[in-house]
Amino acid sequence: MLSDIGILKMGELYNLYVRGKAKEKDPEVGILLIENQTPEELYDAVENIIAINSELGKKRETFYKFLKRTDKD
């Protein structure tokens, strides 16, 4: 799951990217999920993403595939 979440620091705030894929035949750049977050807001957002994936994701499903699947629902 770690490779599916990207964080970019912009000044003192952070942007959160998800659904990136780096280590396969068809890499993809992540999409911007939220921007201009404080560190505390960023931690909360990542914890929420992990909790949702834990609750709704299929067994052994990668986070990338989980997000692609839920985009269609």
PDB file of N, CA and C in Angstrom:
ATOM      1  N   MET A   1       0.815  -1.184   0.000  1.00  0.00           N
ATOM      2  CA  MET A   1       0.000   0.000   0.000  1.00  0.00           C
ATOM      3  C   MET A   1       0.866   1.258   0.000  1.00  0.00           C
ATOM      4  N   LEU A   2       2.038   1.176   0.530  1.00  0.00           N
ATOM      5  CA  LEU A   2       2.905   2.343   0.641  1.00  0.00           C
ATOM      6  C   LEU A   2       3.193   2.975  -0.712  1.00  0.00           C
ATOM      7  N   SER A   3       3.371   2.165  -1.741  1.00  0.00           N
ATOM      8  CA  SER A   3       3.689   2.738  -3.053  1.00  0.00           C
ATOM      9  C   SER A   3       2.462   3.349  -3.728  1.00  0.00           C
ATOM     10  N   ASP A   4       1.266   3.130  -3.191  1.00  0.00           N
ATOM     11  CA  ASP A   4       0.038   3.672  -3.769  1.00  0.00           C
ATOM     12  C   ASP A   4      -0.315   5.045  -3.232  1.00  0.00           C
ATOM     13  N   ILE A   5       0.402   5.525  -2.240  1.00  0.00           N
ATOM     14  CA  ILE A   5       0.141   6.834  -1.648  1.00  0.00           C
ATOM     15  C   ILE A   5       1.387   7.688  -1.822  1.00  0.00           C
ATOM     16  N   GLY A   6       1.186   8.894  -2.337  1.00  0.00           N
ATOM     17  CA  GLY A   6       2.305   9.820  -2.517  1.00  0.00           C
ATOM     18  C   GLY A   6       2.037  11.119  -1.782  1.00  0.00           C
ATOM     19  N   ILE A   7       3.069  11.679  -1.208  1.00  0.00           N
ATOM     20  CA  ILE A   7       2.959  12.940  -0.466  1.00  0.00           C
ATOM     21  C   ILE A   7       3.991  13.906  -1.030  1.00  0.00           C
ATOM     22  N   LEU A   8       3.524  15.111  -1.331  1.00  0.00           N
ATOM     23  CA  LEU A   8       4.393  16.143  -1.872  1.00  0.00           C
ATOM     24  C   LEU A   8       4.298  17.369  -0.976  1.00  0.00           C
ATOM     25  N   LYS A   9       5.447  17.821  -0.477  1.00  0.00           N
ATOM     26  CA  LYS A   9       5.475  19.006   0.376  1.00  0.00           C
ATOM     27  C   LYS A   9       5.565  20.247  -0.493  1.00  0.00           C
ATOM     28  N   MET A  10       4.661  21.176  -0.237  1.00  0.00           N
ATOM     29  CA  MET A  10       4.628  22.450  -0.959  1.00  0.00           C
ATOM     30  C   MET A  10       4.719  23.557   0.082  1.00  0.00           C
ATOM     31  N   GLY A  11       5.907  24.079   0.301  1.00  0.00           N
ATOM     32  CA  GLY A  11       6.102  25.063   1.365  1.00  0.00           C
ATOM     33  C   GLY A  11       5.952  24.386   2.715  1.00  0.00           C
ATOM     34  N   GLU A  12       5.007  24.837   3.496  1.00  0.00           N
ATOM     35  CA  GLU A  12       4.759  24.242   4.813  1.00  0.00           C
ATOM     36  C   GLU A  12       3.577  23.270   4.799  1.00  0.00           C
ATOM     37  N   LEU A  13       2.907  23.124   3.653  1.00  0.00           N
ATOM     38  CA  LEU A  13       1.739  22.262   3.554  1.00  0.00           C
ATOM     39  C   LEU A  13       2.030  21.073   2.642  1.00  0.00           C
ATOM     40  N   TYR A  14       1.119  20.113   2.636  1.00  0.00           N
ATOM     41  CA  TYR A  14       1.328  18.863   1.906  1.00  0.00           C
ATOM     42  C   TYR A  14       0.162  18.562   0.981  1.00  0.00           C
ATOM     43  N   ASN A  15       0.466  17.928  -0.151  1.00  0.00           N
ATOM     44  CA  ASN A  15      -0.535  17.425  -1.077  1.00  0.00           C
ATOM     45  C   ASN A  15      -0.484  15.898  -1.028  1.00  0.00           C
ATOM     46  N   LEU A  16      -1.650  15.280  -1.089  1.00  0.00           N
ATOM     47  CA  LEU A  16      -1.759  13.829  -1.008  1.00  0.00           C
ATOM     48  C   LEU A  16      -2.236  13.272  -2.339  1.00  0.00           C
ATOM     49  N   TYR A  17      -1.453  12.347  -2.894  1.00  0.00           N
ATOM     50  CA  TYR A  17      -1.777  11.686  -4.150  1.00  0.00           C
ATOM     51  C   TYR A  17      -2.048  10.219  -3.879  1.00  0.00           C
ATOM     52  N   VAL A  18      -3.000   9.650  -4.603  1.00  0.00           N
ATOM     53  CA  VAL A  18      -3.316   8.227  -4.467  1.00  0.00           C
ATOM     54  C   VAL A  18      -3.419   7.592  -5.845  1.00  0.00           C
ATOM     55  N   ARG A  19      -3.405   6.291  -5.849  1.00  0.00           N
ATOM     56  CA  ARG A  19      -3.605   5.476  -7.043  1.00  0.00           C
ATOM     57  C   ARG A  19      -2.438   5.524  -8.013  1.00  0.00           C
ATOM     58  N   GLY A  20      -1.267   5.829  -7.513  1.00  0.00           N
ATOM     59  CA  GLY A  20      -0.088   5.744  -8.355  1.00  0.00           C
ATOM     60  C   GLY A  20       0.388   4.306  -8.437  1.00  0.00           C
ATOM     61  N   LYS A  21       1.140   4.010  -9.443  1.00  0.00           N
ATOM     62  CA  LYS A  21       1.646   2.647  -9.618  1.00  0.00           C
ATOM     63  C   LYS A  21       3.020   2.765 -10.253  1.00  0.00           C
ATOM     64  N   ALA A  22       4.064   2.360  -9.521  1.00  0.00           N
ATOM     65  CA  ALA A  22       5.422   2.567 -10.005  1.00  0.00           C
ATOM     66  C   ALA A  22       6.107   1.298 -10.482  1.00  0.00           C
ATOM     67  N   LYS A  23       5.805   0.176  -9.900  1.00  0.00           N
ATOM     68  CA  LYS A  23       6.618  -1.021 -10.138  1.00  0.00           C
ATOM     69  C   LYS A  23       5.893  -2.081 -10.953  1.00  0.00           C
ATOM     70  N   GLU A  24       5.351  -1.719 -12.076  1.00  0.00           N
ATOM     71  CA  GLU A  24       4.726  -2.708 -12.938  1.00  0.00           C
ATOM     72  C   GLU A  24       4.974  -2.333 -14.387  1.00  0.00           C
ATOM     73  N   LYS A  25       4.439  -3.098 -15.286  1.00  0.00           N
ATOM     74  CA  LYS A  25       4.651  -2.856 -16.718  1.00  0.00           C
ATOM     75  C   LYS A  25       4.021  -1.550 -17.182  1.00  0.00           C
ATOM     76  N   ASP A  26       2.937  -1.167 -16.536  1.00  0.00           N
ATOM     77  CA  ASP A  26       2.199   0.023 -16.956  1.00  0.00           C
ATOM     78  C   ASP A  26       2.096   1.027 -15.814  1.00  0.00           C
ATOM     79  N   PRO A  27       3.195   1.739 -15.493  1.00  0.00           N
ATOM     80  CA  PRO A  27       3.172   2.685 -14.374  1.00  0.00           C
ATOM     81  C   PRO A  27       2.183   3.824 -14.612  1.00  0.00           C
ATOM     82  N   GLU A  28       1.655   4.360 -13.528  1.00  0.00           N
ATOM     83  CA  GLU A  28       0.728   5.480 -13.611  1.00  0.00           C
ATOM     84  C   GLU A  28       1.075   6.498 -12.533  1.00  0.00           C
ATOM     85  N   VAL A  29       0.894   7.754 -12.863  1.00  0.00           N
ATOM     86  CA  VAL A  29       1.086   8.827 -11.896  1.00  0.00           C
ATOM     87  C   VAL A  29      -0.160   8.880 -11.023  1.00  0.00           C
ATOM     88  N   GLY A  30       0.024   9.104  -9.734  1.00  0.00           N
ATOM     89  CA  GLY A  30      -1.111   9.210  -8.833  1.00  0.00           C
ATOM     90  C   GLY A  30      -1.960  10.433  -9.134  1.00  0.00           C
ATOM     91  N   ILE A  31      -3.193  10.395  -8.641  1.00  0.00           N
ATOM     92  CA  ILE A  31      -4.090  11.534  -8.805  1.00  0.00           C
ATOM     93  C   ILE A  31      -4.130  12.326  -7.502  1.00  0.00           C
ATOM     94  N   LEU A  32      -4.262  13.620  -7.626  1.00  0.00           N
ATOM     95  CA  LEU A  32      -4.318  14.489  -6.455  1.00  0.00           C
ATOM     96  C   LEU A  32      -5.640  14.266  -5.733  1.00  0.00           C
ATOM     97  N   LEU A  33      -5.566  13.869  -4.482  1.00  0.00           N
ATOM     98  CA  LEU A  33      -6.762  13.634  -3.681  1.00  0.00           C
ATOM     99  C   LEU A  33      -7.106  14.858  -2.849  1.00  0.00           C
ATOM    100  N   ILE A  34      -6.137  15.345  -2.088  1.00  0.00           N
ATOM    101  CA  ILE A  34      -6.346  16.555  -1.288  1.00  0.00           C
ATOM    102  C   ILE A  34      -5.061  17.374  -1.312  1.00  0.00           C
ATOM    103  N   GLU A  35      -5.222  18.675  -1.149  1.00  0.00           N
ATOM    104  CA  GLU A  35      -4.043  19.536  -1.176  1.00  0.00           C
ATOM    105  C   GLU A  35      -4.061  20.524  -0.027  1.00  0.00           C
ATOM    106  N   ASN A  36      -2.886  21.108   0.204  1.00  0.00           N
ATOM    107  CA  ASN A  36      -2.693  22.137   1.231  1.00  0.00           C
ATOM    108  C   ASN A  36      -3.107  21.677   2.623  1.00  0.00           C
ATOM    109  N   GLN A  37      -2.590  20.522   3.019  1.00  0.00           N
ATOM    110  CA  GLN A  37      -2.894  19.949   4.321  1.00  0.00           C
ATOM    111  C   GLN A  37      -1.763  20.200   5.305  1.00  0.00           C
ATOM    112  N   THR A  38      -2.130  20.435   6.545  1.00  0.00           N
ATOM    113  CA  THR A  38      -1.125  20.496   7.609  1.00  0.00           C
ATOM    114  C   THR A  38      -0.681  19.065   7.886  1.00  0.00           C
ATOM    115  N   PRO A  39       0.432  18.874   8.591  1.00  0.00           N
ATOM    116  CA  PRO A  39       0.833  17.508   8.915  1.00  0.00           C
ATOM    117  C   PRO A  39      -0.261  16.728   9.650  1.00  0.00           C
ATOM    118  N   GLU A  40      -0.960  17.371  10.572  1.00  0.00           N
ATOM    119  CA  GLU A  40      -2.008  16.687  11.325  1.00  0.00           C
ATOM    120  C   GLU A  40      -3.164  16.266  10.414  1.00  0.00           C
ATOM    121  N   GLU A  41      -3.564  17.156   9.505  1.00  0.00           N
ATOM    122  CA  GLU A  41      -4.635  16.822   8.559  1.00  0.00           C
ATOM    123  C   GLU A  41      -4.204  15.686   7.639  1.00  0.00           C
ATOM    124  N   LEU A  42      -2.951  15.712   7.233  1.00  0.00           N
ATOM    125  CA  LEU A  42      -2.415  14.678   6.362  1.00  0.00           C
ATOM    126  C   LEU A  42      -2.429  13.326   7.066  1.00  0.00           C
ATOM    127  N   TYR A  43      -1.974  13.277   8.314  1.00  0.00           N
ATOM    128  CA  TYR A  43      -1.993  12.021   9.079  1.00  0.00           C
ATOM    129  C   TYR A  43      -3.409  11.471   9.169  1.00  0.00           C
ATOM    130  N   ASP A  44      -4.386  12.339   9.468  1.00  0.00           N
ATOM    131  CA  ASP A  44      -5.784  11.910   9.573  1.00  0.00           C
ATOM    132  C   ASP A  44      -6.286  11.348   8.245  1.00  0.00           C
ATOM    133  N   ALA A  45      -5.960  12.013   7.153  1.00  0.00           N
ATOM    134  CA  ALA A  45      -6.408  11.575   5.834  1.00  0.00           C
ATOM    135  C   ALA A  45      -5.831  10.199   5.497  1.00  0.00           C
ATOM    136  N   VAL A  46      -4.547  10.002   5.741  1.00  0.00           N
ATOM    137  CA  VAL A  46      -3.920   8.716   5.438  1.00  0.00           C
ATOM    138  C   VAL A  46      -4.506   7.619   6.330  1.00  0.00           C
ATOM    139  N   GLU A  47      -4.725   7.909   7.591  1.00  0.00           N
ATOM    140  CA  GLU A  47      -5.342   6.925   8.481  1.00  0.00           C
ATOM    141  C   GLU A  47      -6.739   6.553   8.001  1.00  0.00           C
ATOM    142  N   ASN A  48      -7.509   7.530   7.534  1.00  0.00           N
ATOM    143  CA  ASN A  48      -8.851   7.251   7.012  1.00  0.00           C
ATOM    144  C   ASN A  48      -8.799   6.394   5.758  1.00  0.00           C
ATOM    145  N   ILE A  49      -7.865   6.671   4.874  1.00  0.00           N
ATOM    146  CA  ILE A  49      -7.708   5.880   3.651  1.00  0.00           C
ATOM    147  C   ILE A  49      -7.384   4.430   4.005  1.00  0.00           C
ATOM    148  N   ILE A  50      -6.479   4.235   4.934  1.00  0.00           N
ATOM    149  CA  ILE A  50      -6.099   2.884   5.340  1.00  0.00           C
ATOM    150  C   ILE A  50      -7.280   2.171   5.993  1.00  0.00           C
ATOM    151  N   ALA A  51      -8.036   2.867   6.824  1.00  0.00           N
ATOM    152  CA  ALA A  51      -9.201   2.264   7.491  1.00  0.00           C
ATOM    153  C   ALA A  51     -10.260   1.848   6.472  1.00  0.00           C
ATOM    154  N   ILE A  52     -10.523   2.703   5.493  1.00  0.00           N
ATOM    155  CA  ILE A  52     -11.518   2.372   4.466  1.00  0.00           C
ATOM    156  C   ILE A  52     -11.064   1.172   3.657  1.00  0.00           C
ATOM    157  N   ASN A  53      -9.792   1.146   3.291  1.00  0.00           N
ATOM    158  CA  ASN A  53      -9.263   0.006   2.539  1.00  0.00           C
ATOM    159  C   ASN A  53      -9.334  -1.275   3.362  1.00  0.00           C
ATOM    160  N   SER A  54      -9.035  -1.194   4.638  1.00  0.00           N
ATOM    161  CA  SER A  54      -9.091  -2.375   5.502  1.00  0.00           C
ATOM    162  C   SER A  54     -10.513  -2.910   5.622  1.00  0.00           C
ATOM    163  N   GLU A  55     -11.472  -1.998   5.663  1.00  0.00           N
ATOM    164  CA  GLU A  55     -12.870  -2.395   5.829  1.00  0.00           C
ATOM    165  C   GLU A  55     -13.499  -2.911   4.536  1.00  0.00           C
ATOM    166  N   LEU A  56     -13.209  -2.266   3.411  1.00  0.00           N
ATOM    167  CA  LEU A  56     -13.910  -2.563   2.172  1.00  0.00           C
ATOM    168  C   LEU A  56     -13.087  -3.320   1.130  1.00  0.00           C
ATOM    169  N   GLY A  57     -11.770  -3.367   1.320  1.00  0.00           N
ATOM    170  CA  GLY A  57     -10.916  -4.030   0.345  1.00  0.00           C
ATOM    171  C   GLY A  57     -11.040  -5.543   0.406  1.00  0.00           C
ATOM    172  N   LYS A  58     -10.790  -6.179  -0.717  1.00  0.00           N
ATOM    173  CA  LYS A  58     -10.804  -7.640  -0.786  1.00  0.00           C
ATOM    174  C   LYS A  58      -9.479  -8.183  -0.268  1.00  0.00           C
ATOM    175  N   LYS A  59      -9.501  -9.427   0.171  1.00  0.00           N
ATOM    176  CA  LYS A  59      -8.285 -10.059   0.680  1.00  0.00           C
ATOM    177  C   LYS A  59      -7.218 -10.086  -0.410  1.00  0.00           C
ATOM    178  N   ARG A  60      -6.026  -9.632  -0.070  1.00  0.00           N
ATOM    179  CA  ARG A  60      -4.853  -9.584  -0.955  1.00  0.00           C
ATOM    180  C   ARG A  60      -5.021  -8.669  -2.169  1.00  0.00           C
ATOM    181  N   GLU A  61      -6.001  -7.796  -2.139  1.00  0.00           N
ATOM    182  CA  GLU A  61      -6.196  -6.838  -3.224  1.00  0.00           C
ATOM    183  C   GLU A  61      -5.247  -5.667  -2.995  1.00  0.00           C
ATOM    184  N   THR A  62      -4.542  -5.265  -4.037  1.00  0.00           N
ATOM    185  CA  THR A  62      -3.661  -4.111  -3.873  1.00  0.00           C
ATOM    186  C   THR A  62      -4.502  -2.851  -3.709  1.00  0.00           C
ATOM    187  N   PHE A  63      -3.927  -1.853  -3.088  1.00  0.00           N
ATOM    188  CA  PHE A  63      -4.640  -0.604  -2.881  1.00  0.00           C
ATOM    189  C   PHE A  63      -4.970   0.044  -4.215  1.00  0.00           C
ATOM    190  N   TYR A  64      -4.058  -0.040  -5.167  1.00  0.00           N
ATOM    191  CA  TYR A  64      -4.302   0.498  -6.506  1.00  0.00           C
ATOM    192  C   TYR A  64      -5.554  -0.138  -7.117  1.00  0.00           C
ATOM    193  N   LYS A  65      -5.661  -1.456  -7.069  1.00  0.00           N
ATOM    194  CA  LYS A  65      -6.821  -2.145  -7.641  1.00  0.00           C
ATOM    195  C   LYS A  65      -8.093  -1.826  -6.856  1.00  0.00           C
ATOM    196  N   PHE A  66      -7.969  -1.696  -5.544  1.00  0.00           N
ATOM    197  CA  PHE A  66      -9.118  -1.308  -4.722  1.00  0.00           C
ATOM    198  C   PHE A  66      -9.656   0.044  -5.178  1.00  0.00           C
ATOM    199  N   LEU A  67      -8.791   1.013  -5.374  1.00  0.00           N
ATOM    200  CA  LEU A  67      -9.233   2.341  -5.797  1.00  0.00           C
ATOM    201  C   LEU A  67      -9.820   2.319  -7.208  1.00  0.00           C
ATOM    202  N   LYS A  68      -9.216   1.556  -8.103  1.00  0.00           N
ATOM    203  CA  LYS A  68      -9.760   1.439  -9.462  1.00  0.00           C
ATOM    204  C   LYS A  68     -11.159   0.819  -9.416  1.00  0.00           C
ATOM    205  N   ARG A  69     -11.332  -0.206  -8.577  1.00  0.00           N
ATOM    206  CA  ARG A  69     -12.625  -0.894  -8.468  1.00  0.00           C
ATOM    207  C   ARG A  69     -13.674   0.030  -7.869  1.00  0.00           C
ATOM    208  N   THR A  70     -13.325   0.765  -6.835  1.00  0.00           N
ATOM    209  CA  THR A  70     -14.296   1.632  -6.175  1.00  0.00           C
ATOM    210  C   THR A  70     -14.615   2.856  -7.013  1.00  0.00           C
ATOM    211  N   ASP A  71     -13.743   3.247  -7.926  1.00  0.00           N
ATOM    212  CA  ASP A  71     -14.047   4.340  -8.863  1.00  0.00           C
ATOM    213  C   ASP A  71     -15.240   3.989  -9.730  1.00  0.00           C
ATOM    214  N   LYS A  72     -15.388   2.708 -10.045  1.00  0.00           N
ATOM    215  CA  LYS A  72     -16.451   2.252 -10.933  1.00  0.00           C
ATOM    216  C   LYS A  72     -17.779   2.086 -10.216  1.00  0.00           C
ATOM    217  N   ASP A  73     -17.740   1.939  -8.894  1.00  0.00           N
ATOM    218  CA  ASP A  73     -18.981   1.708  -8.120  1.00  0.00           C
ATOM    219  C   ASP A  73     -19.767   2.988  -7.929  1.00  0.00           C
TER     220      ASP A  73
END
